[in-house]
């Protein structure tokens, strides 16, 4: 008689994004990650001498892009939350 249960050794399945309570990437995290990647790419391009960049214009462009991405991402996130069914509890 063995106490081995193969079901307990099975790997966990990843969280289903359609299930309430599952973890999804936050919009702010994605936007800040893209900002860091864009800055790194611009620094590499400027150091290679491919193009010369004005730091002020680069920062203004990144801030406009990041602000737009945060607003659009927030609106899309809110629209996705509105589709979920409510339980009627407040």
N, C-alpha and C. Protein backbone atom coordinates (compact mmCIF):
# COMPACT_ATOMS: atom_id res chain seq x y z
N UNK A 1 0.83 -1.16 0.00
CA UNK A 1 0.00 0.00 0.00
C UNK A 1 0.89 1.24 0.00
N UNK A 2 0.61 2.16 -0.96
CA UNK A 2 1.44 3.34 -1.14
C UNK A 2 0.62 4.59 -0.89
N UNK A 3 1.27 5.60 -0.35
CA UNK A 3 0.58 6.86 -0.12
C UNK A 3 0.90 7.88 -1.22
N UNK A 4 1.50 7.41 -2.33
CA UNK A 4 1.86 8.29 -3.43
C UNK A 4 0.61 8.71 -4.19
N UNK A 5 0.45 10.02 -4.36
CA UNK A 5 -0.67 10.54 -5.12
C UNK A 5 -0.11 11.40 -6.24
N UNK A 6 -0.22 10.95 -7.51
CA UNK A 6 0.38 11.72 -8.61
C UNK A 6 -0.27 13.08 -8.81
N UNK A 7 -1.46 13.27 -8.35
CA UNK A 7 -2.13 14.56 -8.53
C UNK A 7 -1.45 15.65 -7.72
N UNK A 8 -0.83 15.32 -6.61
CA UNK A 8 -0.17 16.34 -5.80
C UNK A 8 1.16 16.76 -6.40
N UNK A 9 1.77 15.95 -7.27
CA UNK A 9 3.05 16.29 -7.88
C UNK A 9 2.88 17.00 -9.22
N UNK A 10 1.67 17.18 -9.68
CA UNK A 10 1.44 17.84 -10.96
C UNK A 10 1.77 19.32 -10.83
N UNK A 11 2.41 19.89 -11.86
CA UNK A 11 2.72 21.32 -11.78
C UNK A 11 1.45 22.14 -11.80
N UNK A 12 1.52 23.29 -11.15
CA UNK A 12 0.36 24.18 -11.10
C UNK A 12 0.15 24.81 -12.46
N UNK A 13 -1.09 24.97 -12.84
CA UNK A 13 -1.39 25.62 -14.10
C UNK A 13 -1.34 27.13 -13.90
N UNK A 14 -0.94 27.86 -14.95
CA UNK A 14 -0.89 29.32 -14.80
C UNK A 14 -2.28 29.89 -14.58
N UNK A 15 -2.30 31.04 -13.95
CA UNK A 15 -3.58 31.69 -13.62
C UNK A 15 -4.29 32.11 -14.90
N UNK A 16 -5.58 31.85 -14.95
CA UNK A 16 -6.41 32.24 -16.08
C UNK A 16 -6.80 33.70 -15.91
N UNK A 17 -6.47 34.57 -16.90
CA UNK A 17 -6.77 36.00 -16.73
C UNK A 17 -8.27 36.29 -16.68
N UNK A 18 -9.10 35.38 -17.15
CA UNK A 18 -10.54 35.64 -17.12
C UNK A 18 -11.15 35.36 -15.75
N UNK A 19 -10.39 34.69 -14.87
CA UNK A 19 -10.88 34.38 -13.53
C UNK A 19 -10.65 35.59 -12.64
N UNK A 20 -11.69 36.09 -11.95
CA UNK A 20 -11.49 37.23 -11.06
C UNK A 20 -10.48 36.89 -9.97
N UNK A 21 -9.62 37.85 -9.66
CA UNK A 21 -8.63 37.66 -8.62
C UNK A 21 -7.29 37.21 -9.17
N UNK A 22 -7.20 36.88 -10.48
CA UNK A 22 -5.93 36.48 -11.04
C UNK A 22 -5.08 37.73 -11.29
N UNK A 23 -3.79 37.58 -11.26
CA UNK A 23 -2.88 38.70 -11.40
C UNK A 23 -2.68 39.05 -12.87
N UNK A 24 -2.82 40.34 -13.20
CA UNK A 24 -2.53 40.85 -14.53
C UNK A 24 -1.49 41.94 -14.40
N UNK A 25 -0.77 42.16 -15.49
CA UNK A 25 0.23 43.22 -15.49
C UNK A 25 -0.45 44.56 -15.35
N UNK A 26 0.10 45.41 -14.52
CA UNK A 26 -0.46 46.74 -14.32
C UNK A 26 0.02 47.65 -15.44
N UNK A 27 -0.82 48.58 -15.82
CA UNK A 27 -0.51 49.49 -16.92
C UNK A 27 0.73 50.32 -16.58
N UNK A 28 0.79 50.82 -15.36
CA UNK A 28 1.93 51.64 -14.96
C UNK A 28 3.25 50.90 -15.04
N UNK A 29 3.25 49.63 -14.67
CA UNK A 29 4.47 48.83 -14.73
C UNK A 29 4.93 48.66 -16.17
N UNK A 30 4.00 48.40 -17.06
CA UNK A 30 4.35 48.22 -18.47
C UNK A 30 4.87 49.53 -19.05
N UNK A 31 4.22 50.64 -18.73
CA UNK A 31 4.64 51.94 -19.27
C UNK A 31 6.03 52.31 -18.77
N UNK A 32 6.30 52.13 -17.49
CA UNK A 32 7.63 52.46 -16.97
C UNK A 32 8.69 51.54 -17.56
N UNK A 33 8.35 50.29 -17.78
CA UNK A 33 9.28 49.38 -18.44
C UNK A 33 9.62 49.84 -19.85
N UNK A 34 8.59 50.30 -20.58
CA UNK A 34 8.83 50.81 -21.94
C UNK A 34 9.66 52.08 -21.92
N UNK A 35 9.46 52.93 -20.91
CA UNK A 35 10.26 54.16 -20.80
C UNK A 35 11.73 53.81 -20.59
N UNK A 36 11.99 52.88 -19.71
CA UNK A 36 13.38 52.48 -19.44
C UNK A 36 14.02 51.89 -20.69
N UNK A 37 13.28 51.03 -21.40
CA UNK A 37 13.82 50.45 -22.64
C UNK A 37 14.08 51.53 -23.69
N UNK A 38 13.16 52.49 -23.82
CA UNK A 38 13.35 53.56 -24.79
C UNK A 38 14.57 54.41 -24.45
N UNK A 39 14.73 54.74 -23.17
CA UNK A 39 15.91 55.52 -22.76
C UNK A 39 17.21 54.76 -23.03
N UNK A 40 17.21 53.47 -22.73
CA UNK A 40 18.40 52.66 -22.98
C UNK A 40 18.73 52.63 -24.48
N UNK A 41 17.70 52.45 -25.31
CA UNK A 41 17.93 52.42 -26.76
C UNK A 41 18.44 53.77 -27.26
N UNK A 42 17.87 54.86 -26.75
CA UNK A 42 18.32 56.19 -27.18
C UNK A 42 19.75 56.47 -26.73
N UNK A 43 20.11 56.03 -25.55
CA UNK A 43 21.49 56.21 -25.07
C UNK A 43 22.46 55.44 -25.95
N UNK A 44 22.11 54.20 -26.28
CA UNK A 44 22.98 53.39 -27.14
C UNK A 44 23.12 54.03 -28.51
N UNK A 45 22.00 54.48 -29.09
CA UNK A 45 22.05 55.11 -30.41
C UNK A 45 22.89 56.38 -30.39
N UNK A 46 22.75 57.19 -29.35
CA UNK A 46 23.51 58.43 -29.28
C UNK A 46 25.00 58.16 -29.06
N UNK A 47 25.33 57.12 -28.30
CA UNK A 47 26.74 56.79 -28.07
C UNK A 47 27.41 56.22 -29.31
N UNK A 48 26.65 55.55 -30.17
CA UNK A 48 27.21 55.02 -31.40
C UNK A 48 27.44 56.12 -32.43
N UNK A 49 26.87 57.28 -32.22
CA UNK A 49 27.06 58.40 -33.12
C UNK A 49 26.16 58.35 -34.34
N UNK A 50 25.15 57.49 -34.31
CA UNK A 50 24.24 57.39 -35.44
C UNK A 50 23.46 58.68 -35.60
N UNK A 51 23.03 59.23 -34.49
CA UNK A 51 22.26 60.47 -34.50
C UNK A 51 22.59 61.25 -33.23
N UNK A 52 22.49 62.56 -33.31
CA UNK A 52 22.69 63.38 -32.11
C UNK A 52 21.31 63.74 -31.56
N UNK A 53 21.19 63.66 -30.26
CA UNK A 53 19.91 63.87 -29.62
C UNK A 53 19.98 65.06 -28.68
N UNK A 54 18.91 65.84 -28.64
CA UNK A 54 18.77 66.92 -27.69
C UNK A 54 18.03 66.34 -26.48
N UNK A 55 18.66 66.37 -25.32
CA UNK A 55 18.10 65.76 -24.12
C UNK A 55 16.74 66.31 -23.73
N UNK A 56 16.54 67.60 -23.92
CA UNK A 56 15.26 68.22 -23.56
C UNK A 56 14.14 67.67 -24.43
N UNK A 57 14.38 67.58 -25.74
CA UNK A 57 13.35 67.07 -26.64
C UNK A 57 13.07 65.59 -26.38
N UNK A 58 14.10 64.85 -26.05
CA UNK A 58 13.91 63.42 -25.75
C UNK A 58 13.03 63.26 -24.52
N UNK A 59 13.32 64.03 -23.46
CA UNK A 59 12.51 63.93 -22.25
C UNK A 59 11.07 64.38 -22.47
N UNK A 60 10.89 65.45 -23.24
CA UNK A 60 9.52 65.91 -23.53
C UNK A 60 8.76 64.84 -24.30
N UNK A 61 9.40 64.25 -25.29
CA UNK A 61 8.75 63.21 -26.08
C UNK A 61 8.40 61.98 -25.24
N UNK A 62 9.33 61.58 -24.36
CA UNK A 62 9.06 60.43 -23.50
C UNK A 62 7.93 60.72 -22.52
N UNK A 63 7.89 61.92 -21.98
CA UNK A 63 6.82 62.26 -21.04
C UNK A 63 5.46 62.32 -21.73
N UNK A 64 5.42 62.87 -22.94
CA UNK A 64 4.15 62.90 -23.69
C UNK A 64 3.70 61.47 -24.01
N UNK A 65 4.63 60.65 -24.47
CA UNK A 65 4.29 59.26 -24.80
C UNK A 65 3.86 58.47 -23.58
N UNK A 66 4.57 58.65 -22.47
CA UNK A 66 4.22 57.92 -21.25
C UNK A 66 2.86 58.37 -20.72
N UNK A 67 2.60 59.67 -20.74
CA UNK A 67 1.31 60.18 -20.28
C UNK A 67 0.16 59.64 -21.13
N UNK A 68 0.35 59.65 -22.44
CA UNK A 68 -0.69 59.12 -23.33
C UNK A 68 -0.90 57.63 -23.10
N UNK A 69 0.19 56.89 -22.91
CA UNK A 69 0.08 55.44 -22.68
C UNK A 69 -0.64 55.15 -21.37
N UNK A 70 -0.36 55.94 -20.33
CA UNK A 70 -1.03 55.73 -19.04
C UNK A 70 -2.52 56.05 -19.13
N UNK A 71 -2.87 57.12 -19.82
CA UNK A 71 -4.28 57.47 -19.95
C UNK A 71 -5.03 56.41 -20.77
N UNK A 72 -4.47 56.04 -21.91
CA UNK A 72 -5.12 55.03 -22.76
C UNK A 72 -5.21 53.69 -22.05
N UNK A 73 -4.12 53.29 -21.38
CA UNK A 73 -4.14 52.02 -20.64
C UNK A 73 -5.14 52.03 -19.51
N UNK A 74 -5.26 53.15 -18.81
CA UNK A 74 -6.24 53.25 -17.73
C UNK A 74 -7.66 53.17 -18.26
N UNK A 75 -7.92 53.83 -19.39
CA UNK A 75 -9.25 53.76 -19.98
C UNK A 75 -9.59 52.35 -20.45
N UNK A 76 -8.63 51.68 -21.07
CA UNK A 76 -8.87 50.30 -21.51
C UNK A 76 -9.07 49.37 -20.33
N UNK A 77 -8.32 49.59 -19.26
CA UNK A 77 -8.48 48.77 -18.07
C UNK A 77 -9.84 48.98 -17.43
N UNK A 78 -10.28 50.24 -17.37
CA UNK A 78 -11.60 50.53 -16.80
C UNK A 78 -12.71 49.95 -17.66
N UNK A 79 -12.53 50.01 -18.97
CA UNK A 79 -13.54 49.45 -19.88
C UNK A 79 -13.61 47.93 -19.70
N UNK A 80 -12.47 47.28 -19.49
CA UNK A 80 -12.47 45.84 -19.27
C UNK A 80 -13.12 45.45 -17.96
N UNK A 81 -12.98 46.29 -16.94
CA UNK A 81 -13.60 46.02 -15.65
C UNK A 81 -15.11 46.19 -15.70
N UNK A 82 -15.58 47.09 -16.55
CA UNK A 82 -17.01 47.32 -16.66
C UNK A 82 -17.75 46.13 -17.27
N UNK A 83 -17.05 45.30 -18.03
CA UNK A 83 -17.69 44.14 -18.67
C UNK A 83 -17.94 43.01 -17.70
N UNK A 84 -17.23 43.00 -16.57
CA UNK A 84 -17.39 41.92 -15.61
C UNK A 84 -18.78 42.00 -14.98
N UNK A 85 -19.33 40.83 -14.69
CA UNK A 85 -20.65 40.80 -14.07
C UNK A 85 -20.54 41.22 -12.61
N UNK A 86 -21.55 41.89 -12.14
CA UNK A 86 -21.56 42.32 -10.75
C UNK A 86 -22.41 41.35 -9.93
N UNK A 87 -22.10 41.28 -8.66
CA UNK A 87 -22.84 40.38 -7.77
C UNK A 87 -24.01 41.08 -7.09
N UNK A 88 -24.11 42.38 -7.27
CA UNK A 88 -25.19 43.12 -6.64
C UNK A 88 -24.85 43.59 -5.24
N UNK A 89 -23.67 43.20 -4.75
CA UNK A 89 -23.24 43.63 -3.42
C UNK A 89 -22.50 44.95 -3.58
N UNK A 90 -22.65 45.82 -2.58
CA UNK A 90 -21.95 47.10 -2.66
C UNK A 90 -20.69 47.06 -1.85
